[in-house]
Amino acid sequence: MSQHSFSRALIELTSFAVIVSIVVYRGRKREEKASEERLHRTNRAVEKAENLSVAMFDYSDSASSKLIIDLANQRAKRWMSLRVSNAQYMVGQVGGKSHRKRPILILDAFVMKPVNPDHRGIREVAFYEAIQAASKRSGFKTYCSVFGPKICDEKTKEAQIEIETKLLHRLEPFTARYFGTIEYNQNQPLHGEKATTKTNLGPFDTSLNSYILLNNVTKTFSKPCVLDIKLGTETFEPDAPEDKKLYELNKYPRQSDFGFRLTAMRVYNPLSEKADECGYVYYPKQFGRSLGTRESLKQAMTIFFGGSNLPKEIRDNRGAAIQRILSRLKLIKGWFRDNKSFAFYGSSILIIYEGDTEHNEDMGRAKMIDFGRVRRKIGGDFGYLKGLTTLIGLLEEILKESFLETSKYIVAER
C-alpha cells in the first residue's frame, strides 16, 4: 500500500472513531438525562407518598364507629368490679382537658379519661382497640375483622396490614394499659349512690358521658412528679384547616426545630414558696411555650428533676430514675425507627419519677398518651422521631452534667 493510501485510510479510520465517540457520548448523555428524569420522578413520587396520609380509622362510617364503641364497652364490663360513683377528681392534672372541660378522674388503680366528643374521641378509642386486636394471637384476622374487611380483601394491602399489626403489638408496652370505656355523668355528685346510665350521644355516636379506662401509671408513686411533652414537628394533621394550622404553629414556633415542646409539669418541692397545699409546684402550658432556646429547655427539664444542687444521695437516686426514663425513650425511638406506617399528631409522652426523697427506689417511667390523631402514613413519622432524638440528647446532657459523676457516665447508642 502506498503512503498516500495509508494516510487516507488512517484519516478515515480516525474520522470513524470520532463519529463513534460522538454517538456513544450523545447516547450516554441521553441515558444520563433519562436517568436523572427517572430519579426526579421517583423522588417526586416518594415525596408525594410520604406526604399522603389518611386517618387510621374511618370515623365517618357509623357502623364501624358503633362496632368500636360496643367492643370498648364490653371490654370494660369484663374488667370492672368497682362502682363508678367512687371516682374522684385527679389532683394536679398536667395535661389539657377535653373539649367539654371534663376533668380526668381517678378510680382506684384506674384513670378515667373523658372521650372527646369530636372525631378525636372515637379515633382514640379505635386506636386502643387496634392495639388490643393486634396483640391477640390471631392478630391479622382479628385486626381485619375490626378495622374493615375491605382493606384486608385487597391483596396488595395484606402485607401492609400484617406490618401494622406487628408494629401495634410492639407498641403496647409503651402505652398505659387499656380497659375499654365506661359511662359516668359528670353532673351527678361523684359520691352519689348510683351513676346514671342515660345515653347522650355526640356527633360520632360516642356518649358525652363516656370515659376511657386506663391504668393509673402514677399509682405506685408516693409523690409523682409528672412532665407532659408534646412530640412531633407538627401538632396538626395535614388536612387540617389553614386557620387551625396557623393556630397550632403560633402556639410554639420552635416545635418544628426541636420536635417537641413541654406542655406542663408538676414537681414535688414542699420547700418552695410556690408550692401548693400538697407540696407541688405547677408549671402551666404558658411556661413551656416561653422556652425559645435549647438551653432554656435544658434548664426547665433540670428544674423538673429537682435542680443541680441536690444532696448526693438524692441526686444519685434521681440520676437512676433519669437513666430508666432514657432507657424507655430509646426503646420508643427504636419503634419509631422501624415504623413506616403510622404518624402521630398531637400525641404526648408522660415522664414520671418519684419526688418523695424518703423513697430509695429508682422509679422513673415514660408512657405515650393521646392518640386521637393517629394516621396511616407511608414512611412513618420523622417529626416524632426528631423530637425523641432531641429529647434524648438533652436528657443525656442533664444526666451527665448534673446527676452523675463523669466517670460513671456512658453514652449509649441513640
Protein backbone atom coordinates (compact mmCIF):
# COMPACT_ATOMS: atom_id res chain seq x y z
CA MET A 1 0.00 0.00 0.00
CA SER A 2 1.31 3.44 -0.96
CA GLN A 3 1.95 6.07 1.68
CA HIS A 4 -0.88 8.19 0.28
CA SER A 5 -3.37 5.32 0.52
CA PHE A 6 -2.20 4.52 4.06
CA SER A 7 -2.65 8.15 5.15
CA ARG A 8 -6.11 8.29 3.64
CA ALA A 9 -7.12 5.07 5.38
CA LEU A 10 -5.76 6.41 8.67
CA ILE A 11 -7.78 9.61 8.29
CA GLU A 12 -10.94 7.65 7.51
CA LEU A 13 -10.35 5.37 10.49
CA THR A 14 -9.78 8.35 12.76
CA SER A 15 -12.93 10.05 11.48
CA PHE A 16 -14.90 6.88 12.08
CA ALA A 17 -13.57 6.66 15.64
CA VAL A 18 -14.51 10.27 16.27
CA ILE A 19 -18.03 9.68 14.94
CA VAL A 20 -18.41 6.57 17.09
CA SER A 21 -17.18 8.52 20.11
CA ILE A 22 -19.68 11.30 19.44
CA VAL A 23 -22.51 8.79 19.05
CA VAL A 24 -21.50 6.99 22.25
CA TYR A 25 -21.14 10.31 24.10
CA ARG A 26 -24.54 11.52 22.96
CA GLY A 27 -26.09 8.19 23.85
CA ARG A 28 -24.53 8.31 27.28
CA LYS A 29 -25.75 11.86 27.84
CA ARG A 30 -29.26 10.86 26.76
CA GLU A 31 -29.14 7.92 29.16
CA GLU A 32 -27.84 10.14 31.98
CA LYS A 33 -30.60 12.66 31.31
CA ALA A 34 -33.18 9.90 31.24
CA SER A 35 -31.81 8.51 34.50
CA GLU A 36 -31.97 11.95 36.07
CA GLU A 37 -35.56 12.35 34.93
CA ARG A 38 -36.46 8.91 36.30
CA LEU A 39 -34.78 9.76 39.59
CA HIS A 40 -36.60 13.09 39.71
CA ARG A 41 -39.92 11.39 39.04
CA THR A 42 -39.15 8.78 41.70
CA ASN A 43 -38.21 11.45 44.23
CA ARG A 44 -41.41 13.35 43.49
CA ALA A 45 -43.41 10.15 43.84
CA VAL A 46 -41.72 9.31 47.14
CA GLU A 47 -42.24 12.85 48.38
CA LYS A 48 -45.89 12.71 47.37
CA ALA A 49 -46.30 9.31 49.03
CA GLU A 50 -44.65 10.49 52.23
CA ASN A 51 -46.97 13.46 52.38
CA LEU A 52 -50.02 11.29 51.73
CA SER A 53 -51.73 10.16 54.91
CA VAL A 54 -55.21 9.09 55.89
CA ALA A 55 -56.95 8.70 59.22
CA MET A 56 -56.26 5.25 60.62
CA PHE A 57 -59.93 4.74 61.40
CA ASP A 58 -62.86 5.78 59.21
CA TYR A 59 -64.83 7.64 61.85
CA SER A 60 -67.40 8.78 59.26
CA ASP A 61 -68.66 5.19 58.98
CA SER A 62 -71.40 4.91 61.59
CA ALA A 63 -71.38 1.09 61.54
CA SER A 64 -67.63 0.95 62.21
CA SER A 65 -67.93 3.51 65.00
CA LYS A 66 -70.71 1.52 66.63
CA LEU A 67 -68.62 -1.65 66.43
CA ILE A 68 -65.69 0.08 68.14
CA ILE A 69 -67.93 1.52 70.87
CA ASP A 70 -69.54 -1.88 71.52
CA LEU A 71 -66.13 -3.55 71.76
CA ALA A 72 -64.86 -0.89 74.16
CA ASN A 73 -67.96 -1.06 76.39
CA GLN A 74 -67.91 -4.85 76.54
CA ARG A 75 -64.21 -4.82 77.36
CA ALA A 76 -64.79 -2.57 80.38
CA LYS A 77 -67.58 -4.83 81.65
CA ARG A 78 -65.13 -7.73 81.75
CA TRP A 79 -62.74 -5.75 83.95
CA MET A 80 -64.94 -3.56 86.13
CA SER A 81 -65.87 -4.67 89.60
CA LEU A 82 -65.82 -1.13 91.06
CA ARG A 83 -68.59 1.42 91.49
CA VAL A 84 -68.08 4.30 89.11
CA SER A 85 -69.63 6.58 91.73
CA ASN A 86 -66.42 6.21 93.76
CA ALA A 87 -64.46 8.18 91.17
CA GLN A 88 -62.58 11.25 92.34
CA TYR A 89 -61.12 14.26 90.58
CA MET A 90 -57.44 13.88 89.66
CA VAL A 91 -55.27 16.22 91.73
CA GLY A 92 -52.75 18.24 89.74
CA GLN A 93 -53.71 17.20 86.21
CA VAL A 94 -50.82 18.36 84.00
CA GLY A 95 -52.24 17.77 80.54
CA GLY A 96 -55.05 19.54 78.72
CA LYS A 97 -58.71 18.94 79.43
CA SER A 98 -61.22 17.72 76.91
CA HIS A 99 -63.34 19.93 74.67
CA ARG A 100 -66.18 19.95 77.21
CA LYS A 101 -63.79 20.77 80.08
CA ARG A 102 -64.43 17.47 81.80
CA PRO A 103 -61.56 16.65 84.15
CA ILE A 104 -59.68 13.36 84.30
CA LEU A 105 -60.99 11.17 87.14
CA ILE A 106 -59.27 8.63 89.37
CA LEU A 107 -61.00 5.36 90.22
CA ASP A 108 -58.78 3.28 92.49
CA ALA A 109 -55.95 1.97 90.26
CA PHE A 110 -57.60 3.37 87.11
CA VAL A 111 -57.66 6.69 85.30
CA MET A 112 -60.89 7.76 83.61
CA LYS A 113 -60.04 9.96 80.64
CA PRO A 114 -63.00 11.80 79.03
CA VAL A 115 -63.77 10.69 75.48
CA ASN A 116 -63.56 13.80 73.33
CA PRO A 117 -66.96 14.48 71.68
CA ASP A 118 -65.40 15.33 68.31
CA HIS A 119 -63.66 12.90 65.93
CA ARG A 120 -60.61 12.60 68.21
CA GLY A 121 -62.63 10.69 70.80
CA ILE A 122 -63.78 7.80 68.63
CA ARG A 123 -60.37 7.72 66.90
CA GLU A 124 -58.54 7.36 70.23
CA VAL A 125 -60.84 4.56 71.38
CA ALA A 126 -60.34 2.88 67.99
CA PHE A 127 -56.57 3.15 68.31
CA TYR A 128 -56.58 1.44 71.70
CA GLU A 129 -58.87 -1.25 70.30
CA ALA A 130 -56.47 -1.66 67.37
CA ILE A 131 -53.61 -2.35 69.78
CA GLN A 132 -55.75 -4.93 71.57
CA ALA A 133 -56.71 -6.61 68.29
CA ALA A 134 -53.10 -6.68 67.09
CA SER A 135 -51.95 -8.15 70.40
CA LYS A 136 -54.07 -11.29 70.02
CA ARG A 137 -52.59 -14.49 68.63
CA SER A 138 -54.90 -14.22 65.66
CA GLY A 139 -53.71 -10.63 65.19
CA PHE A 140 -54.15 -10.27 61.45
CA LYS A 141 -57.58 -11.88 61.34
CA THR A 142 -58.86 -10.01 64.39
CA TYR A 143 -57.45 -6.70 63.20
CA CYS A 144 -59.15 -7.10 59.83
CA SER A 145 -62.50 -8.02 61.35
CA VAL A 146 -62.47 -4.83 63.43
CA PHE A 147 -60.97 -2.32 61.04
CA GLY A 148 -62.77 -3.30 57.87
CA PRO A 149 -62.65 -6.44 55.76
CA LYS A 150 -62.49 -4.27 52.64
CA ILE A 151 -58.90 -3.32 53.45
CA CYS A 152 -57.80 -6.88 54.06
CA ASP A 153 -59.61 -8.21 50.99
CA GLU A 154 -57.25 -6.19 48.81
CA LYS A 155 -54.28 -8.48 48.19
CA THR A 156 -51.93 -5.56 47.66
CA LYS A 157 -52.63 -4.34 51.21
CA GLU A 158 -52.36 -7.63 53.09
CA ALA A 159 -48.63 -7.21 53.63
CA GLN A 160 -49.19 -3.64 54.86
CA ILE A 161 -51.79 -4.81 57.39
CA GLU A 162 -49.50 -7.56 58.66
CA ILE A 163 -46.77 -4.97 59.22
CA GLU A 164 -49.26 -2.71 61.03
CA THR A 165 -50.38 -5.45 63.42
CA LYS A 166 -46.79 -6.31 64.32
CA LEU A 167 -45.98 -2.66 64.96
CA LEU A 168 -49.04 -2.11 67.13
CA HIS A 169 -48.30 -5.25 69.12
CA ARG A 170 -44.81 -3.91 69.84
CA LEU A 171 -46.25 -0.51 70.81
CA GLU A 172 -48.46 -1.80 73.64
CA PRO A 173 -45.77 -1.76 76.41
CA PHE A 174 -45.15 1.94 75.76
CA THR A 175 -48.77 2.94 76.48
CA ALA A 176 -50.91 2.83 79.60
CA ARG A 177 -52.88 -0.40 79.84
CA TYR A 178 -56.33 -0.03 78.32
CA PHE A 179 -59.55 -1.48 79.78
CA GLY A 180 -62.28 -0.17 77.48
CA THR A 181 -64.80 2.64 78.03
CA ILE A 182 -67.36 3.33 80.75
CA GLU A 183 -70.05 5.97 81.31
CA TYR A 184 -70.28 8.47 84.11
CA ASN A 185 -72.42 11.60 84.35
CA GLN A 186 -70.17 14.45 85.47
CA ASN A 187 -73.23 16.48 86.54
CA GLN A 188 -74.02 13.92 89.18
CA PRO A 189 -72.15 14.20 92.54
CA LEU A 190 -69.07 12.00 92.43
CA HIS A 191 -70.03 10.20 95.60
CA GLY A 192 -73.67 9.64 94.69
CA GLU A 193 -75.35 6.31 95.24
CA LYS A 194 -75.90 5.47 91.63
CA ALA A 195 -74.32 6.57 88.35
CA THR A 196 -76.71 7.45 85.58
CA THR A 197 -76.90 5.23 82.53
CA LYS A 198 -78.74 7.70 80.34
CA THR A 199 -77.07 7.82 76.95
CA ASN A 200 -76.41 11.20 75.36
CA LEU A 201 -74.71 10.63 72.02
CA GLY A 202 -72.31 13.01 70.33
CA PRO A 203 -71.86 13.51 66.56
CA PHE A 204 -69.75 10.34 66.20
CA ASP A 205 -72.01 8.05 68.24
CA THR A 206 -69.82 8.30 71.33
CA SER A 207 -71.59 9.05 74.60
CA LEU A 208 -70.99 12.51 76.01
CA ASN A 209 -70.65 10.77 79.38
CA SER A 210 -68.07 8.27 78.15
CA TYR A 211 -64.59 7.79 79.63
CA ILE A 212 -61.60 5.74 78.51
CA LEU A 213 -60.49 3.46 81.31
CA LEU A 214 -56.68 3.26 81.63
CA ASN A 215 -54.17 2.00 84.13
CA ASN A 216 -53.11 4.77 86.53
CA VAL A 217 -49.36 4.87 85.79
CA THR A 218 -48.72 7.06 88.87
CA LYS A 219 -50.48 4.69 91.30
CA THR A 220 -47.26 3.18 92.72
CA PHE A 221 -45.64 6.58 93.29
CA SER A 222 -45.87 8.37 96.64
CA LYS A 223 -45.19 11.88 95.26
CA PRO A 224 -45.30 11.55 91.47
CA CYS A 225 -43.61 14.33 89.52
CA VAL A 226 -45.07 14.48 86.02
CA LEU A 227 -43.94 16.14 82.79
CA ASP A 228 -46.22 16.21 79.72
CA ILE A 229 -44.27 16.55 76.45
CA LYS A 230 -45.99 17.13 73.09
CA LEU A 231 -43.99 15.22 70.47
CA GLY A 232 -43.59 15.85 66.74
CA THR A 233 -42.60 18.72 64.48
CA GLU A 234 -46.28 19.26 63.60
CA THR A 235 -49.18 19.01 66.05
CA PHE A 236 -51.85 19.41 63.36
CA GLU A 237 -52.97 16.93 60.73
CA PRO A 238 -52.13 17.51 57.05
CA ASP A 239 -55.77 18.09 56.12
CA ALA A 240 -56.47 20.48 59.00
CA PRO A 241 -57.97 23.88 58.05
CA GLU A 242 -55.44 26.64 57.47
CA ASP A 243 -56.61 28.61 60.50
CA LYS A 244 -56.10 25.53 62.68
CA LYS A 245 -52.57 25.06 61.31
CA LEU A 246 -51.74 28.72 61.95
CA TYR A 247 -53.16 28.50 65.46
CA GLU A 248 -51.03 25.45 66.27
CA LEU A 249 -47.89 26.95 64.72
CA ASN A 250 -48.29 30.11 66.78
CA LYS A 251 -48.53 28.13 70.00
CA TYR A 252 -44.84 27.29 69.85
CA PRO A 253 -42.91 28.27 66.70
CA ARG A 254 -39.84 26.25 67.78
CA GLN A 255 -41.82 22.99 67.67
CA SER A 256 -40.57 22.30 64.14
CA ASP A 257 -36.96 22.90 65.23
CA PHE A 258 -36.90 20.81 68.42
CA GLY A 259 -39.57 18.27 67.52
CA PHE A 260 -41.32 18.67 70.87
CA ARG A 261 -42.50 21.16 73.48
CA LEU A 262 -43.06 20.98 77.21
CA THR A 263 -46.82 21.12 77.71
CA ALA A 264 -46.89 21.31 81.50
CA MET A 265 -45.14 19.87 84.52
CA ARG A 266 -45.74 19.26 88.22
CA VAL A 267 -42.79 18.99 90.63
CA TYR A 268 -42.89 17.95 94.27
CA ASN A 269 -40.98 20.64 96.16
CA PRO A 270 -42.68 21.45 99.50
CA LEU A 271 -39.92 23.91 100.44
CA SER A 272 -40.74 26.21 97.52
CA GLU A 273 -42.79 29.31 98.24
CA LYS A 274 -44.72 28.50 95.07
CA ALA A 275 -45.78 25.06 96.32
CA ASP A 276 -49.47 24.31 96.78
CA GLU A 277 -51.03 22.73 99.87
CA CYS A 278 -49.85 19.29 98.67
CA GLY A 279 -46.26 20.46 98.21
CA TYR A 280 -46.31 20.63 94.41
CA VAL A 281 -45.12 23.42 92.13
CA TYR A 282 -47.12 23.56 88.89
CA TYR A 283 -45.70 24.90 85.62
CA PRO A 284 -48.52 25.57 83.10
CA LYS A 285 -48.50 25.44 79.32
CA GLN A 286 -47.51 29.12 79.10
CA PHE A 287 -44.23 28.21 80.78
CA GLY A 288 -43.47 25.55 78.18
CA ARG A 289 -44.30 27.88 75.30
CA SER A 290 -41.89 30.51 76.66
CA LEU A 291 -38.87 28.22 76.20
CA GLY A 292 -37.44 29.53 72.95
CA THR A 293 -33.92 28.09 73.06
CA ARG A 294 -32.39 24.66 73.51
CA GLU A 295 -30.62 25.88 76.64
CA SER A 296 -33.87 27.10 78.20
CA LEU A 297 -35.45 23.71 77.50
CA LYS A 298 -32.50 22.05 79.18
CA GLN A 299 -32.77 24.32 82.21
CA ALA A 300 -36.51 23.66 82.51
CA MET A 301 -36.01 19.89 82.47
CA THR A 302 -33.22 20.20 85.03
CA ILE A 303 -35.71 22.05 87.25
CA PHE A 304 -38.22 19.25 86.68
CA PHE A 305 -35.75 16.72 88.07
CA GLY A 306 -35.09 18.83 91.15
CA GLY A 307 -32.24 21.05 90.06
CA SER A 308 -28.49 20.53 90.04
CA ASN A 309 -27.80 21.24 93.74
CA LEU A 310 -29.43 18.24 95.35
CA PRO A 311 -27.75 16.29 98.18
CA LYS A 312 -25.63 13.42 96.85
CA GLU A 313 -27.94 10.58 97.88
CA ILE A 314 -30.99 12.23 96.35
CA ARG A 315 -29.02 13.20 93.27
CA ASP A 316 -27.90 9.57 92.80
CA ASN A 317 -31.48 8.28 93.10
CA ARG A 318 -32.71 10.95 90.70
CA GLY A 319 -29.94 10.06 88.25
CA ALA A 320 -31.02 6.41 88.37
CA ALA A 321 -34.59 7.46 87.57
CA ILE A 322 -33.39 9.51 84.60
CA GLN A 323 -31.47 6.51 83.31
CA ARG A 324 -34.61 4.38 83.47
CA ILE A 325 -36.55 7.06 81.61
CA LEU A 326 -33.81 7.29 78.99
CA SER A 327 -33.84 3.53 78.53
CA ARG A 328 -37.58 3.60 77.86
CA LEU A 329 -37.34 6.58 75.49
CA LYS A 330 -34.66 4.79 73.47
CA LEU A 331 -36.91 1.76 73.12
CA ILE A 332 -39.71 4.03 71.89
CA LYS A 333 -37.26 5.64 69.47
CA GLY A 334 -36.33 2.19 68.19
CA TRP A 335 -40.01 1.58 67.46
CA PHE A 336 -40.25 4.83 65.50
CA ARG A 337 -37.14 3.92 63.52
CA ASP A 338 -38.88 0.74 62.38
CA ASN A 339 -42.26 2.40 61.92
CA LYS A 340 -43.06 3.10 58.26
CA SER A 341 -46.83 3.00 58.63
CA PHE A 342 -48.12 5.50 61.19
CA ALA A 343 -47.92 9.20 62.02
CA PHE A 344 -48.89 10.61 65.43
CA TYR A 345 -50.19 14.18 65.51
CA GLY A 346 -50.80 15.92 68.84
CA SER A 347 -49.55 12.90 70.77
CA SER A 348 -47.58 13.20 74.01
CA ILE A 349 -45.21 11.36 76.31
CA LEU A 350 -45.63 11.44 80.07
CA ILE A 351 -42.39 11.36 82.07
CA ILE A 352 -42.79 10.39 85.73
CA TYR A 353 -40.41 9.97 88.66
CA GLU A 354 -40.70 9.64 92.43
CA GLY A 355 -40.48 13.01 94.17
CA ASP A 356 -40.55 11.62 97.71
CA THR A 357 -36.92 11.72 98.86
CA GLU A 358 -37.65 9.14 101.57
CA HIS A 359 -38.06 6.52 98.87
CA ASN A 360 -34.83 4.93 97.64
CA GLU A 361 -36.24 3.19 94.61
CA ASP A 362 -35.03 4.50 91.24
CA MET A 363 -38.56 4.81 89.91
CA GLY A 364 -38.85 6.51 86.56
CA ARG A 365 -41.28 5.94 83.68
CA ALA A 366 -42.14 7.21 80.22
CA LYS A 367 -45.51 6.46 78.62
CA MET A 368 -47.07 7.51 75.31
CA ILE A 369 -50.54 9.10 75.57
CA ASP A 370 -53.13 10.94 73.43
CA PHE A 371 -53.95 9.02 70.25
CA GLY A 372 -56.83 11.00 68.79
CA ARG A 373 -54.95 11.95 65.62
CA VAL A 374 -53.12 8.80 64.52
CA ARG A 375 -52.93 8.38 60.75
CA ARG A 376 -51.62 5.87 58.27
CA LYS A 377 -48.66 7.45 56.52
CA ILE A 378 -46.15 5.91 54.13
CA GLY A 379 -42.68 6.43 55.52
CA GLY A 380 -43.67 6.78 59.17
CA ASP A 381 -43.28 9.81 61.43
CA PHE A 382 -39.97 11.63 61.08
CA GLY A 383 -41.26 14.56 63.15
CA TYR A 384 -41.87 12.38 66.20
CA LEU A 385 -38.50 10.68 65.66
CA LYS A 386 -36.78 14.07 65.54
CA GLY A 387 -38.42 15.08 68.80
CA LEU A 388 -37.29 11.89 70.52
CA THR A 389 -33.74 12.41 69.29
CA THR A 390 -33.66 15.97 70.67
CA LEU A 391 -35.25 14.92 73.96
CA ILE A 392 -32.88 12.01 74.50
CA GLY A 393 -29.88 14.22 73.73
CA LEU A 394 -30.98 16.82 76.27
CA LEU A 395 -31.65 14.25 78.99
CA GLU A 396 -28.26 12.64 78.45
CA GLU A 397 -26.59 16.02 78.85
CA ILE A 398 -28.60 16.75 82.01
CA LEU A 399 -27.74 13.33 83.42
CA LYS A 400 -24.04 13.76 82.71
CA GLU A 401 -23.73 17.35 83.91
CA SER A 402 -25.99 17.40 86.97
CA PHE A 403 -26.75 13.90 88.24
CA LEU A 404 -23.82 11.55 87.58
CA GLU A 405 -20.09 11.63 88.02
CA THR A 406 -18.35 11.80 84.66
CA SER A 407 -16.55 8.51 85.32
CA LYS A 408 -19.92 6.72 85.72
CA TYR A 409 -21.46 8.13 82.59
CA ILE A 410 -21.54 6.05 79.43
CA VAL A 411 -23.32 7.36 76.36
CA ALA A 412 -25.47 4.63 74.88
CA GLU A 413 -26.14 4.48 71.16
CA ARG A 414 -29.20 6.57 70.32
